[in-house]
Amino acid sequence: MSRYVTIRVPGGKFSTLFEKRAGWIAAALLLLLIALSVISIGVGTLQIPPWRTVQMLAAGPASGEMEANIIWNFRMPRLLLALMAGMALALSGTVLQAVVRNPLASPDVIGITSGAAMMAVLYLAIFNVTTSIQWLPLFAFAGALGVAAFIYLAAWKHGVSPMRMILIGLGVTALLEAFKTLFLVFSPIFVTSQAKIWITGTVYGANWTGVQFFAPWLLGLIPVLAVLARRLNIQVLGNELPVLLGGRIQLQRFALIGTAAALAGAAVAFVGGVGFIGLMAPHLSRRLVGGAHGLLLICSALVGGILLVAADLAGRTLFAPRDIPAGVFTAAIGAPFFLYTLIKVKKRRS
């Protein structure tokens, strides 16, 4: 009995091959995410049992029940925003690790999230949260794309070297953090307090407007990433072999980095600077399903959603009635994970 399953689109223009075990693991992750989502929706000041939560979800927002009002108007937008942001950050990290060919690469390390956060803080400092606050996500998104383009151009020397990108990204991150601190120092105290919470990363106060703005970005970028997924497998082979195979490596690399920046920028724009999701999710998924970027992208998205939903759930419940930003918990787990990965990489190369 074959270990693999082949999926072909009629017409033969697209086909993919994946291991059955990896498919079952992806299905298990999806079930875990669904179960965690039901629990997250039911937990809060008003505790709703899982079976009752499922009933209210099936009944819809117009059922008139008090539980349905709480679920659909307050908890569901928060859950969906955390889920989509976790998926976007995880996909961005998976793409960057493949393009840069470095297990430590992530939107945080490259500087993409710092660019988005710095532009958001600049916006808050200029407008003092009194004018057109709805334009904040656009500023953050533009910051992420701008930093990604600058790093790509600065690393160009007869092509883009992944190592140069890492080094330039670290320098840009340090510079942006300095500018961000400077903007906060000269901002009013209420702007500084709000910006500090947003920079840490939180889905507190999420509403359907944020979900409606974020969903088109994510749903529009996922098909682009699906088309580019095969190019990721070529990128990890280095610079010479892809060219011999007929790949336009620099054009592909630019498209992939742009997609990763768009995903991370959109996530940061709506939930703030949640850290380490883009680092942890690809590593955990790679251990589960291997390194082929077909199911790896799917599993990374699921793991990213699980991590951020779980972090938000912990923030709402562990120190209730205080609502701790989800970014605090992702950093508490991600920082040791980063050090562990760094030591592991160092031992492997020594």
C-alpha atoms as a PDB file:
ATOM      1  CA  MET A   1       0.000   0.000   0.000  1.00  0.00           C
ATOM      2  CA  SER A   2       1.475   3.336  -1.046  1.00  0.00           C
ATOM      3  CA  ARG A   3       2.479   5.858   1.601  1.00  0.00           C
ATOM      4  CA  TYR A   4       1.672   8.745  -0.722  1.00  0.00           C
ATOM      5  CA  VAL A   5      -1.419  10.293  -2.270  1.00  0.00           C
ATOM      6  CA  THR A   6      -1.376  12.155  -5.579  1.00  0.00           C
ATOM      7  CA  ILE A   7      -3.807  14.989  -6.261  1.00  0.00           C
ATOM      8  CA  ARG A   8      -4.235  16.166  -9.858  1.00  0.00           C
ATOM      9  CA  VAL A   9      -6.355  19.023 -11.141  1.00  0.00           C
ATOM     10  CA  PRO A  10      -8.309  18.133 -14.316  1.00  0.00           C
ATOM     11  CA  GLY A  11      -6.295  19.214 -17.314  1.00  0.00           C
ATOM     12  CA  GLY A  12      -2.982  18.227 -15.761  1.00  0.00           C
ATOM     13  CA  LYS A  13      -1.818  21.780 -15.069  1.00  0.00           C
ATOM     14  CA  PHE A  14      -1.410  21.198 -11.355  1.00  0.00           C
ATOM     15  CA  SER A  15      -0.582  18.136  -9.287  1.00  0.00           C
ATOM     16  CA  THR A  16       0.836  17.503  -5.855  1.00  0.00           C
ATOM     17  CA  LEU A  17       2.099  14.538  -3.871  1.00  0.00           C
ATOM     18  CA  PHE A  18       1.930  14.214  -0.110  1.00  0.00           C
ATOM     19  CA  GLU A  19       2.444  11.528   2.495  1.00  0.00           C
ATOM     20  CA  LYS A  20      -0.680  10.002   4.007  1.00  0.00           C
ATOM     21  CA  ARG A  21       0.725  10.290   7.532  1.00  0.00           C
ATOM     22  CA  ALA A  22       1.277  14.006   7.012  1.00  0.00           C
ATOM     23  CA  GLY A  23      -2.300  14.344   5.802  1.00  0.00           C
ATOM     24  CA  TRP A  24      -3.607  12.693   8.955  1.00  0.00           C
ATOM     25  CA  ILE A  25      -1.451  14.988  11.085  1.00  0.00           C
ATOM     26  CA  ALA A  26      -2.874  18.029   9.286  1.00  0.00           C
ATOM     27  CA  ALA A  27      -6.403  16.718   9.909  1.00  0.00           C
ATOM     28  CA  ALA A  28      -5.585  16.214  13.601  1.00  0.00           C
ATOM     29  CA  LEU A  29      -4.257  19.782  13.855  1.00  0.00           C
ATOM     30  CA  LEU A  30      -7.457  21.077  12.271  1.00  0.00           C
ATOM     31  CA  LEU A  31      -9.575  19.189  14.812  1.00  0.00           C
ATOM     32  CA  LEU A  32      -7.396  20.511  17.638  1.00  0.00           C
ATOM     33  CA  LEU A  33      -7.848  24.060  16.349  1.00  0.00           C
ATOM     34  CA  ILE A  34     -11.618  23.630  16.144  1.00  0.00           C
ATOM     35  CA  ALA A  35     -11.791  22.201  19.685  1.00  0.00           C
ATOM     36  CA  LEU A  36      -9.588  24.996  21.050  1.00  0.00           C
ATOM     37  CA  SER A  37     -11.759  27.577  19.280  1.00  0.00           C
ATOM     38  CA  VAL A  38     -14.935  26.205  20.839  1.00  0.00           C
ATOM     39  CA  ILE A  39     -13.321  26.276  24.280  1.00  0.00           C
ATOM     40  CA  SER A  40     -12.013  29.804  23.737  1.00  0.00           C
ATOM     41  CA  ILE A  41     -15.437  31.079  22.718  1.00  0.00           C
ATOM     42  CA  GLY A  42     -17.055  29.539  25.782  1.00  0.00           C
ATOM     43  CA  VAL A  43     -14.553  30.762  28.370  1.00  0.00           C
ATOM     44  CA  GLY A  44     -14.901  34.207  29.925  1.00  0.00           C
ATOM     45  CA  THR A  45     -16.797  36.149  32.562  1.00  0.00           C
ATOM     46  CA  LEU A  46     -19.851  34.177  31.469  1.00  0.00           C
ATOM     47  CA  GLN A  47     -18.863  30.515  31.203  1.00  0.00           C
ATOM     48  CA  ILE A  48     -20.619  28.686  28.370  1.00  0.00           C
ATOM     49  CA  PRO A  49     -20.320  24.876  28.146  1.00  0.00           C
ATOM     50  CA  PRO A  50     -18.909  23.519  24.858  1.00  0.00           C
ATOM     51  CA  TRP A  51     -22.161  21.837  23.833  1.00  0.00           C
ATOM     52  CA  ARG A  52     -24.055  25.088  24.442  1.00  0.00           C
ATOM     53  CA  THR A  53     -21.402  27.007  22.486  1.00  0.00           C
ATOM     54  CA  VAL A  54     -21.911  24.724  19.495  1.00  0.00           C
ATOM     55  CA  GLN A  55     -25.684  25.256  19.770  1.00  0.00           C
ATOM     56  CA  MET A  56     -25.301  29.038  19.751  1.00  0.00           C
ATOM     57  CA  LEU A  57     -22.921  28.882  16.798  1.00  0.00           C
ATOM     58  CA  ALA A  58     -25.441  26.818  14.872  1.00  0.00           C
ATOM     59  CA  ALA A  59     -28.331  29.094  15.875  1.00  0.00           C
ATOM     60  CA  GLY A  60     -26.575  32.195  14.564  1.00  0.00           C
ATOM     61  CA  PRO A  61     -26.435  35.778  15.877  1.00  0.00           C
ATOM     62  CA  ALA A  62     -30.142  36.387  15.325  1.00  0.00           C
ATOM     63  CA  SER A  63     -31.347  33.733  17.796  1.00  0.00           C
ATOM     64  CA  GLY A  64     -31.955  36.321  20.530  1.00  0.00           C
ATOM     65  CA  GLU A  65     -30.205  34.311  23.246  1.00  0.00           C
ATOM     66  CA  MET A  66     -27.859  36.136  25.626  1.00  0.00           C
ATOM     67  CA  GLU A  67     -25.125  33.551  25.015  1.00  0.00           C
ATOM     68  CA  ALA A  68     -25.459  34.033  21.257  1.00  0.00           C
ATOM     69  CA  ASN A  69     -25.088  37.805  21.647  1.00  0.00           C
ATOM     70  CA  ILE A  70     -21.896  37.398  23.696  1.00  0.00           C
ATOM     71  CA  ILE A  71     -20.446  34.792  21.346  1.00  0.00           C
ATOM     72  CA  TRP A  72     -21.192  36.508  18.052  1.00  0.00           C
ATOM     73  CA  ASN A  73     -20.657  40.150  19.010  1.00  0.00           C
ATOM     74  CA  PHE A  74     -17.693  39.911  21.377  1.00  0.00           C
ATOM     75  CA  ARG A  75     -15.885  36.569  21.368  1.00  0.00           C
ATOM     76  CA  MET A  76     -16.166  35.441  17.746  1.00  0.00           C
ATOM     77  CA  PRO A  77     -14.439  38.528  16.236  1.00  0.00           C
ATOM     78  CA  ARG A  78     -11.615  38.158  18.745  1.00  0.00           C
ATOM     79  CA  LEU A  79     -11.222  34.477  17.943  1.00  0.00           C
ATOM     80  CA  LEU A  80     -11.237  35.011  14.169  1.00  0.00           C
ATOM     81  CA  LEU A  81      -8.751  37.878  14.344  1.00  0.00           C
ATOM     82  CA  ALA A  82      -6.360  35.821  16.491  1.00  0.00           C
ATOM     83  CA  LEU A  83      -6.787  32.833  14.189  1.00  0.00           C
ATOM     84  CA  MET A  84      -6.121  34.783  10.991  1.00  0.00           C
ATOM     85  CA  ALA A  85      -3.193  36.716  12.455  1.00  0.00           C
ATOM     86  CA  GLY A  86      -1.570  33.526  13.731  1.00  0.00           C
ATOM     87  CA  MET A  87      -1.950  31.912  10.325  1.00  0.00           C
ATOM     88  CA  ALA A  88      -0.542  34.939   8.507  1.00  0.00           C
ATOM     89  CA  LEU A  89       2.515  35.193  10.774  1.00  0.00           C
ATOM     90  CA  ALA A  90       3.176  31.453  10.523  1.00  0.00           C
ATOM     91  CA  LEU A  91       2.951  31.480   6.723  1.00  0.00           C
ATOM     92  CA  SER A  92       5.241  34.498   6.571  1.00  0.00           C
ATOM     93  CA  GLY A  93       7.821  32.769   8.761  1.00  0.00           C
ATOM     94  CA  THR A  94       7.673  29.581   6.694  1.00  0.00           C
ATOM     95  CA  VAL A  95       8.311  31.512   3.488  1.00  0.00           C
ATOM     96  CA  LEU A  96      11.185  33.512   4.970  1.00  0.00           C
ATOM     97  CA  GLN A  97      12.918  30.452   6.403  1.00  0.00           C
ATOM     98  CA  ALA A  98      12.804  28.817   2.978  1.00  0.00           C
ATOM     99  CA  VAL A  99      13.986  31.881   1.059  1.00  0.00           C
ATOM    100  CA  VAL A 100      16.710  32.885   3.509  1.00  0.00           C
ATOM    101  CA  ARG A 101      17.639  29.247   4.168  1.00  0.00           C
ATOM    102  CA  ASN A 102      18.126  29.992   7.843  1.00  0.00           C
ATOM    103  CA  PRO A 103      16.123  28.334  10.655  1.00  0.00           C
ATOM    104  CA  LEU A 104      16.258  31.563  12.667  1.00  0.00           C
ATOM    105  CA  ALA A 105      14.573  33.659   9.972  1.00  0.00           C
ATOM    106  CA  SER A 106      11.178  35.104  10.825  1.00  0.00           C
ATOM    107  CA  PRO A 107       9.317  38.405  10.325  1.00  0.00           C
ATOM    108  CA  ASP A 108      10.667  39.521  13.709  1.00  0.00           C
ATOM    109  CA  VAL A 109      14.322  38.855  12.879  1.00  0.00           C
ATOM    110  CA  ILE A 110      14.230  40.210   9.325  1.00  0.00           C
ATOM    111  CA  GLY A 111      12.684  43.458  10.536  1.00  0.00           C
ATOM    112  CA  ILE A 112       9.311  43.263   8.812  1.00  0.00           C
ATOM    113  CA  THR A 113       7.254  43.414  12.004  1.00  0.00           C
ATOM    114  CA  SER A 114       9.497  46.197  13.343  1.00  0.00           C
ATOM    115  CA  GLY A 115       8.791  48.223  10.207  1.00  0.00           C
ATOM    116  CA  ALA A 116       5.055  47.751  10.612  1.00  0.00           C
ATOM    117  CA  ALA A 117       5.158  48.595  14.327  1.00  0.00           C
ATOM    118  CA  MET A 118       7.366  51.666  13.812  1.00  0.00           C
ATOM    119  CA  MET A 119       5.018  53.128  11.204  1.00  0.00           C
ATOM    120  CA  ALA A 120       2.035  52.482  13.466  1.00  0.00           C
ATOM    121  CA  VAL A 121       3.744  54.238  16.378  1.00  0.00           C
ATOM    122  CA  LEU A 122       4.657  57.130  14.071  1.00  0.00           C
ATOM    123  CA  TYR A 123       1.022  57.411  13.062  1.00  0.00           C
ATOM    124  CA  LEU A 124      -0.115  57.443  16.695  1.00  0.00           C
ATOM    125  CA  ALA A 125       2.516  60.050  17.562  1.00  0.00           C
ATOM    126  CA  ILE A 126       1.473  62.345  14.719  1.00  0.00           C
ATOM    127  CA  PHE A 127      -2.300  62.115  15.049  1.00  0.00           C
ATOM    128  CA  ASN A 128      -2.497  61.537  18.834  1.00  0.00           C
ATOM    129  CA  VAL A 129      -5.254  58.944  18.306  1.00  0.00           C
ATOM    130  CA  THR A 130      -7.751  61.705  17.535  1.00  0.00           C
ATOM    131  CA  THR A 131      -7.888  61.675  13.740  1.00  0.00           C
ATOM    132  CA  SER A 132      -8.708  58.850  11.327  1.00  0.00           C
ATOM    133  CA  ILE A 133      -7.641  55.945  13.535  1.00  0.00           C
ATOM    134  CA  GLN A 134      -8.961  53.587  10.850  1.00  0.00           C
ATOM    135  CA  TRP A 135      -5.875  54.397   8.756  1.00  0.00           C
ATOM    136  CA  LEU A 136      -3.534  52.823  11.323  1.00  0.00           C
ATOM    137  CA  PRO A 137      -3.538  49.369   9.636  1.00  0.00           C
ATOM    138  CA  LEU A 138      -2.622  50.937   6.294  1.00  0.00           C
ATOM    139  CA  PHE A 139       0.390  52.682   7.853  1.00  0.00           C
ATOM    140  CA  ALA A 140       1.570  49.440   9.473  1.00  0.00           C
ATOM    141  CA  PHE A 141       1.140  47.510   6.246  1.00  0.00           C
ATOM    142  CA  ALA A 142       3.085  50.135   4.289  1.00  0.00           C
ATOM    143  CA  GLY A 143       5.871  49.989   6.877  1.00  0.00           C
ATOM    144  CA  ALA A 144       6.246  46.235   6.484  1.00  0.00           C
ATOM    145  CA  LEU A 145       6.391  46.409   2.700  1.00  0.00           C
ATOM    146  CA  GLY A 146       8.788  49.353   2.794  1.00  0.00           C
ATOM    147  CA  VAL A 147      11.229  47.569   5.085  1.00  0.00           C
ATOM    148  CA  ALA A 148      11.072  44.388   3.012  1.00  0.00           C
ATOM    149  CA  ALA A 149      11.809  46.328  -0.178  1.00  0.00           C
ATOM    150  CA  PHE A 150      14.684  48.223   1.469  1.00  0.00           C
ATOM    151  CA  ILE A 151      16.294  45.040   2.806  1.00  0.00           C
ATOM    152  CA  TYR A 152      15.970  43.367  -0.567  1.00  0.00           C
ATOM    153  CA  LEU A 153      17.574  46.299  -2.414  1.00  0.00           C
ATOM    154  CA  ALA A 154      20.280  46.783   0.219  1.00  0.00           C
ATOM    155  CA  ALA A 155      21.201  43.102   0.002  1.00  0.00           C
ATOM    156  CA  TRP A 156      21.445  43.189  -3.791  1.00  0.00           C
ATOM    157  CA  LYS A 157      24.893  42.558  -5.221  1.00  0.00           C
ATOM    158  CA  HIS A 158      24.694  40.607  -8.467  1.00  0.00           C
ATOM    159  CA  GLY A 159      21.676  38.973  -6.864  1.00  0.00           C
ATOM    160  CA  VAL A 160      20.415  38.707  -3.298  1.00  0.00           C
ATOM    161  CA  SER A 161      22.366  36.628  -0.802  1.00  0.00           C
ATOM    162  CA  PRO A 162      20.282  35.145   2.053  1.00  0.00           C
ATOM    163  CA  MET A 163      23.097  35.800   4.543  1.00  0.00           C
ATOM    164  CA  ARG A 164      23.276  39.475   3.541  1.00  0.00           C
ATOM    165  CA  MET A 165      19.520  39.710   4.018  1.00  0.00           C
ATOM    166  CA  ILE A 166      19.794  38.342   7.566  1.00  0.00           C
ATOM    167  CA  LEU A 167      22.601  40.715   8.525  1.00  0.00           C
ATOM    168  CA  ILE A 168      20.934  43.766   6.992  1.00  0.00           C
ATOM    169  CA  GLY A 169      17.627  42.766   8.556  1.00  0.00           C
ATOM    170  CA  LEU A 170      19.185  42.638  12.030  1.00  0.00           C
ATOM    171  CA  GLY A 171      20.672  46.105  11.550  1.00  0.00           C
ATOM    172  CA  VAL A 172      17.414  47.538  10.236  1.00  0.00           C
ATOM    173  CA  THR A 173      15.519  46.017  13.172  1.00  0.00           C
ATOM    174  CA  ALA A 174      17.837  47.684  15.680  1.00  0.00           C
ATOM    175  CA  LEU A 175      17.490  51.037  13.912  1.00  0.00           C
ATOM    176  CA  LEU A 176      13.700  50.820  13.742  1.00  0.00           C
ATOM    177  CA  GLU A 177      13.476  49.910  17.426  1.00  0.00           C
ATOM    178  CA  ALA A 178      15.492  53.031  18.247  1.00  0.00           C
ATOM    179  CA  PHE A 179      13.192  55.230  16.143  1.00  0.00           C
ATOM    180  CA  LYS A 180      10.139  53.594  17.694  1.00  0.00           C
ATOM    181  CA  THR A 181      11.402  54.355  21.208  1.00  0.00           C
ATOM    182  CA  LEU A 182      12.160  57.948  20.186  1.00  0.00           C
ATOM    183  CA  PHE A 183       8.627  58.451  18.886  1.00  0.00           C
ATOM    184  CA  LEU A 184       7.188  57.062  22.112  1.00  0.00           C
ATOM    185  CA  VAL A 185       9.348  59.324  24.289  1.00  0.00           C
ATOM    186  CA  PHE A 186       8.049  62.460  22.551  1.00  0.00           C
ATOM    187  CA  SER A 187       4.421  61.299  22.430  1.00  0.00           C
ATOM    188  CA  PRO A 188       1.710  62.153  24.979  1.00  0.00           C
ATOM    189  CA  ILE A 189       1.443  59.669  27.830  1.00  0.00           C
ATOM    190  CA  PHE A 190      -1.907  58.262  26.726  1.00  0.00           C
ATOM    191  CA  VAL A 191      -0.513  57.614  23.235  1.00  0.00           C
ATOM    192  CA  THR A 192       2.537  55.903  24.730  1.00  0.00           C
ATOM    193  CA  SER A 193       0.421  53.613  26.914  1.00  0.00           C
ATOM    194  CA  GLN A 194      -1.828  52.620  24.037  1.00  0.00           C
ATOM    195  CA  ALA A 195       1.107  52.093  21.683  1.00  0.00           C
ATOM    196  CA  LYS A 196       2.973  49.959  24.233  1.00  0.00           C
ATOM    197  CA  ILE A 197       0.033  47.554  24.520  1.00  0.00           C
ATOM    198  CA  TRP A 198      -0.401  47.440  20.740  1.00  0.00           C
ATOM    199  CA  ILE A 199       3.315  46.810  20.146  1.00  0.00           C
ATOM    200  CA  THR A 200       3.258  43.854  22.553  1.00  0.00           C
ATOM    201  CA  GLY A 201       0.486  42.299  20.489  1.00  0.00           C
ATOM    202  CA  THR A 202      -3.117  41.919  21.538  1.00  0.00           C
ATOM    203  CA  VAL A 203      -6.534  41.130  20.085  1.00  0.00           C
ATOM    204  CA  TYR A 204      -8.320  42.936  22.903  1.00  0.00           C
ATOM    205  CA  GLY A 205     -11.187  45.017  21.568  1.00  0.00           C
ATOM    206  CA  ALA A 206     -11.410  43.083  18.307  1.00  0.00           C
ATOM    207  CA  ASN A 207     -14.591  43.676  16.320  1.00  0.00           C
ATOM    208  CA  TRP A 208     -16.185  42.592  13.072  1.00  0.00           C
ATOM    209  CA  THR A 209     -14.808  45.650  11.267  1.00  0.00           C
ATOM    210  CA  GLY A 210     -11.254  44.418  11.850  1.00  0.00           C
ATOM    211  CA  VAL A 211     -12.206  40.930  10.707  1.00  0.00           C
ATOM    212  CA  GLN A 212     -13.831  42.294   7.548  1.00  0.00           C
ATOM    213  CA  PHE A 213     -10.724  44.311   6.696  1.00  0.00           C
ATOM    214  CA  PHE A 214      -8.227  41.537   7.502  1.00  0.00           C
ATOM    215  CA  ALA A 215     -10.024  38.611   5.843  1.00  0.00           C
ATOM    216  CA  PRO A 216      -9.699  39.889   2.233  1.00  0.00           C
ATOM    217  CA  TRP A 217      -5.958  40.420   2.709  1.00  0.00           C
ATOM    218  CA  LEU A 218      -5.417  36.897   3.989  1.00  0.00           C
ATOM    219  CA  LEU A 219      -7.790  35.227   1.536  1.00  0.00           C
ATOM    220  CA  GLY A 220      -6.191  37.148  -1.321  1.00  0.00           C
ATOM    221  CA  LEU A 221      -2.619  36.279  -0.348  1.00  0.00           C
ATOM    222  CA  ILE A 222      -3.165  32.560   0.294  1.00  0.00           C
ATOM    223  CA  PRO A 223      -3.829  31.722  -3.402  1.00  0.00           C
ATOM    224  CA  VAL A 224      -0.698  33.688  -4.338  1.00  0.00           C
ATOM    225  CA  LEU A 225       1.287  31.654  -1.835  1.00  0.00           C
ATOM    226  CA  ALA A 226      -0.261  28.422  -3.142  1.00  0.00           C
ATOM    227  CA  VAL A 227       0.978  29.269  -6.638  1.00  0.00           C
ATOM    228  CA  LEU A 228       4.454  30.065  -5.299  1.00  0.00           C
ATOM    229  CA  ALA A 229       4.635  27.014  -2.989  1.00  0.00           C
ATOM    230  CA  ARG A 230       6.600  24.898  -5.454  1.00  0.00           C
ATOM    231  CA  ARG A 231       9.167  27.680  -5.773  1.00  0.00           C
ATOM    232  CA  LEU A 232       9.840  27.367  -2.060  1.00  0.00           C
ATOM    233  CA  ASN A 233      11.110  23.811  -2.527  1.00  0.00           C
ATOM    234  CA  ILE A 234      13.544  25.133  -5.152  1.00  0.00           C
ATOM    235  CA  GLN A 235      14.682  28.049  -2.999  1.00  0.00           C
ATOM    236  CA  VAL A 236      16.008  25.783  -0.240  1.00  0.00           C
ATOM    237  CA  LEU A 237      18.412  24.138  -2.738  1.00  0.00           C
ATOM    238  CA  GLY A 238      20.665  27.208  -2.857  1.00  0.00           C
ATOM    239  CA  ASN A 239      21.525  29.617  -5.659  1.00  0.00           C
ATOM    240  CA  GLU A 240      23.161  27.447  -8.314  1.00  0.00           C
ATOM    241  CA  LEU A 241      20.902  24.403  -8.617  1.00  0.00           C
ATOM    242  CA  PRO A 242      17.628  26.355  -9.098  1.00  0.00           C
ATOM    243  CA  VAL A 243      19.241  28.229 -12.002  1.00  0.00           C
ATOM    244  CA  LEU A 244      20.321  24.942 -13.567  1.00  0.00           C
ATOM    245  CA  LEU A 245      16.733  23.712 -13.198  1.00  0.00           C
ATOM    246  CA  GLY A 246      15.483  26.719 -15.107  1.00  0.00           C
ATOM    247  CA  GLY A 247      14.259  28.742 -12.150  1.00  0.00           C
ATOM    248  CA  ARG A 248      14.382  32.567 -12.195  1.00  0.00           C
ATOM    249  CA  ILE A 249      15.665  32.610  -8.666  1.00  0.00           C
ATOM    250  CA  GLN A 250      15.860  36.360  -8.008  1.00  0.00           C
ATOM    251  CA  LEU A 251      12.388  37.067  -9.405  1.00  0.00           C
ATOM    252  CA  GLN A 252      10.957  34.180  -7.393  1.00  0.00           C
ATOM    253  CA  ARG A 253      12.770  35.350  -4.274  1.00  0.00           C
ATOM    254  CA  PHE A 254      11.411  38.876  -4.671  1.00  0.00           C
ATOM    255  CA  ALA A 255       7.847  37.587  -5.115  1.00  0.00           C
ATOM    256  CA  LEU A 256       8.130  35.306  -2.083  1.00  0.00           C
ATOM    257  CA  ILE A 257       9.615  37.996   0.163  1.00  0.00           C
ATOM    258  CA  GLY A 258       6.916  40.426  -0.946  1.00  0.00           C
ATOM    259  CA  THR A 259       4.212  37.897  -0.103  1.00  0.00           C
ATOM    260  CA  ALA A 260       5.788  37.195   3.300  1.00  0.00           C
ATOM    261  CA  ALA A 261       5.967  40.927   4.024  1.00  0.00           C
ATOM    262  CA  ALA A 262       2.338  41.402   3.041  1.00  0.00           C
ATOM    263  CA  LEU A 263       1.222  38.575   5.329  1.00  0.00           C
ATOM    264  CA  ALA A 264       3.242  39.772   8.313  1.00  0.00           C
ATOM    265  CA  GLY A 265       2.370  43.428   7.740  1.00  0.00           C
ATOM    266  CA  ALA A 266      -1.338  42.692   7.594  1.00  0.00           C
ATOM    267  CA  ALA A 267      -1.162  40.652  10.809  1.00  0.00           C
ATOM    268  CA  VAL A 268       0.798  43.321  12.691  1.00  0.00           C
ATOM    269  CA  ALA A 269      -1.582  45.994  11.422  1.00  0.00           C
ATOM    270  CA  PHE A 270      -4.560  44.347  13.096  1.00  0.00           C
ATOM    271  CA  VAL A 271      -3.156  42.635  16.208  1.00  0.00           C
ATOM    272  CA  GLY A 272       0.118  44.461  16.864  1.00  0.00           C
ATOM    273  CA  GLY A 273       3.627  43.102  17.222  1.00  0.00           C
ATOM    274  CA  VAL A 274       2.926  39.525  18.278  1.00  0.00           C
ATOM    275  CA  GLY A 275       6.344  37.911  18.327  1.00  0.00           C
ATOM    276  CA  PHE A 276       7.818  34.475  17.623  1.00  0.00           C
ATOM    277  CA  ILE A 277       4.760  32.917  15.933  1.00  0.00           C
ATOM    278  CA  GLY A 278       6.594  33.125  12.612  1.00  0.00           C
ATOM    279  CA  LEU A 279       9.609  31.413  14.171  1.00  0.00           C
ATOM    280  CA  MET A 280       7.949  28.620  16.148  1.00  0.00           C
ATOM    281  CA  ALA A 281       5.145  27.489  13.841  1.00  0.00           C
ATOM    282  CA  PRO A 282       7.359  26.460  10.870  1.00  0.00           C
ATOM    283  CA  HIS A 283       9.762  24.528  13.121  1.00  0.00           C
ATOM    284  CA  LEU A 284       6.991  22.657  14.917  1.00  0.00           C
ATOM    285  CA  SER A 285       5.245  21.877  11.624  1.00  0.00           C
ATOM    286  CA  ARG A 286       8.471  20.712   9.978  1.00  0.00           C
ATOM    287  CA  ARG A 287       8.952  18.166  12.745  1.00  0.00           C
ATOM    288  CA  LEU A 288       5.423  16.888  12.194  1.00  0.00           C
ATOM    289  CA  VAL A 289       5.153  16.681   8.403  1.00  0.00           C
ATOM    290  CA  GLY A 290       8.665  17.160   7.013  1.00  0.00           C
ATOM    291  CA  GLY A 291      10.152  19.871   4.855  1.00  0.00           C
ATOM    292  CA  ALA A 292       8.126  19.703   1.617  1.00  0.00           C
ATOM    293  CA  HIS A 293       6.291  23.002   1.350  1.00  0.00           C
ATOM    294  CA  GLY A 294       2.941  21.619   0.276  1.00  0.00           C
ATOM    295  CA  LEU A 295       1.498  20.355   3.544  1.00  0.00           C
ATOM    296  CA  LEU A 296       4.124  22.286   5.504  1.00  0.00           C
ATOM    297  CA  LEU A 297       2.404  25.566   4.653  1.00  0.00           C
ATOM    298  CA  ILE A 298      -0.985  24.154   5.646  1.00  0.00           C
ATOM    299  CA  CYS A 299       0.316  22.759   8.926  1.00  0.00           C
ATOM    300  CA  SER A 300       2.239  25.955   9.697  1.00  0.00           C
ATOM    301  CA  ALA A 301      -0.938  27.982   9.248  1.00  0.00           C
ATOM    302  CA  LEU A 302      -2.848  25.628  11.566  1.00  0.00           C
ATOM    303  CA  VAL A 303      -0.080  25.644  14.193  1.00  0.00           C
ATOM    304  CA  GLY A 304       0.172  29.433  14.004  1.00  0.00           C
ATOM    305  CA  GLY A 305      -3.563  29.741  14.567  1.00  0.00           C
ATOM    306  CA  ILE A 306      -3.398  27.318  17.495  1.00  0.00           C
ATOM    307  CA  LEU A 307      -0.515  29.199  19.121  1.00  0.00           C
ATOM    308  CA  LEU A 308      -2.128  32.630  18.962  1.00  0.00           C
ATOM    309  CA  VAL A 309      -5.610  31.428  19.945  1.00  0.00           C
ATOM    310  CA  ALA A 310      -4.085  29.557  22.912  1.00  0.00           C
ATOM    311  CA  ALA A 311      -2.019  32.633  23.889  1.00  0.00           C
ATOM    312  CA  ASP A 312      -5.102  34.847  23.777  1.00  0.00           C
ATOM    313  CA  LEU A 313      -7.085  32.307  25.810  1.00  0.00           C
ATOM    314  CA  ALA A 314      -4.315  32.231  28.414  1.00  0.00           C
ATOM    315  CA  GLY A 315      -4.237  36.027  28.512  1.00  0.00           C
ATOM    316  CA  ARG A 316      -7.968  36.212  29.178  1.00  0.00           C
ATOM    317  CA  THR A 317      -8.181  33.492  31.806  1.00  0.00           C
ATOM    318  CA  LEU A 318      -4.939  32.995  33.763  1.00  0.00           C
ATOM    319  CA  PHE A 319      -4.952  36.432  35.385  1.00  0.00           C
ATOM    320  CA  ALA A 320      -8.661  37.276  35.188  1.00  0.00           C
ATOM    321  CA  PRO A 321     -10.161  39.838  35.425  1.00  0.00           C
ATOM    322  CA  ARG A 322      -6.993  41.360  33.916  1.00  0.00           C
ATOM    323  CA  ASP A 323      -6.641  40.878  30.165  1.00  0.00           C
ATOM    324  CA  ILE A 324      -2.967  40.202  29.410  1.00  0.00           C
ATOM    325  CA  PRO A 325      -1.819  40.813  25.799  1.00  0.00           C
ATOM    326  CA  ALA A 326      -1.326  37.597  23.850  1.00  0.00           C
ATOM    327  CA  GLY A 327       2.141  38.774  22.788  1.00  0.00           C
ATOM    328  CA  VAL A 328       3.356  38.379  26.380  1.00  0.00           C
ATOM    329  CA  PHE A 329       2.715  34.639  26.254  1.00  0.00           C
ATOM    330  CA  THR A 330       4.099  34.111  22.750  1.00  0.00           C
ATOM    331  CA  ALA A 331       7.271  35.929  23.841  1.00  0.00           C
ATOM    332  CA  ALA A 332       7.507  33.875  27.038  1.00  0.00           C
ATOM    333  CA  ILE A 333       7.475  30.679  24.968  1.00  0.00           C
ATOM    334  CA  GLY A 334       9.217  32.018  21.870  1.00  0.00           C
ATOM    335  CA  ALA A 335      12.307  33.529  23.504  1.00  0.00           C
ATOM    336  CA  PRO A 336      13.499  30.218  25.009  1.00  0.00           C
ATOM    337  CA  PHE A 337      12.590  28.496  21.738  1.00  0.00           C
ATOM    338  CA  PHE A 338      14.737  30.997  19.838  1.00  0.00           C
ATOM    339  CA  LEU A 339      17.705  30.372  22.160  1.00  0.00           C
ATOM    340  CA  TYR A 340      17.249  26.602  21.845  1.00  0.00           C
ATOM    341  CA  THR A 341      17.172  26.847  18.054  1.00  0.00           C
ATOM    342  CA  LEU A 342      20.226  29.132  18.052  1.00  0.00           C
ATOM    343  CA  ILE A 343      22.241  26.685  20.183  1.00  0.00           C
ATOM    344  CA  LYS A 344      21.105  23.762  18.029  1.00  0.00           C
ATOM    345  CA  VAL A 345      22.138  25.523  14.815  1.00  0.00           C
ATOM    346  CA  LYS A 346      25.501  26.461  16.329  1.00  0.00           C
ATOM    347  CA  LYS A 347      26.214  22.856  17.365  1.00  0.00           C
ATOM    348  CA  ARG A 348      25.222  21.584  13.929  1.00  0.00           C
ATOM    349  CA  ARG A 349      27.650  23.947  12.181  1.00  0.00           C
ATOM    350  CA  SER A 350      30.545  23.456  14.602  1.00  0.00           C
END
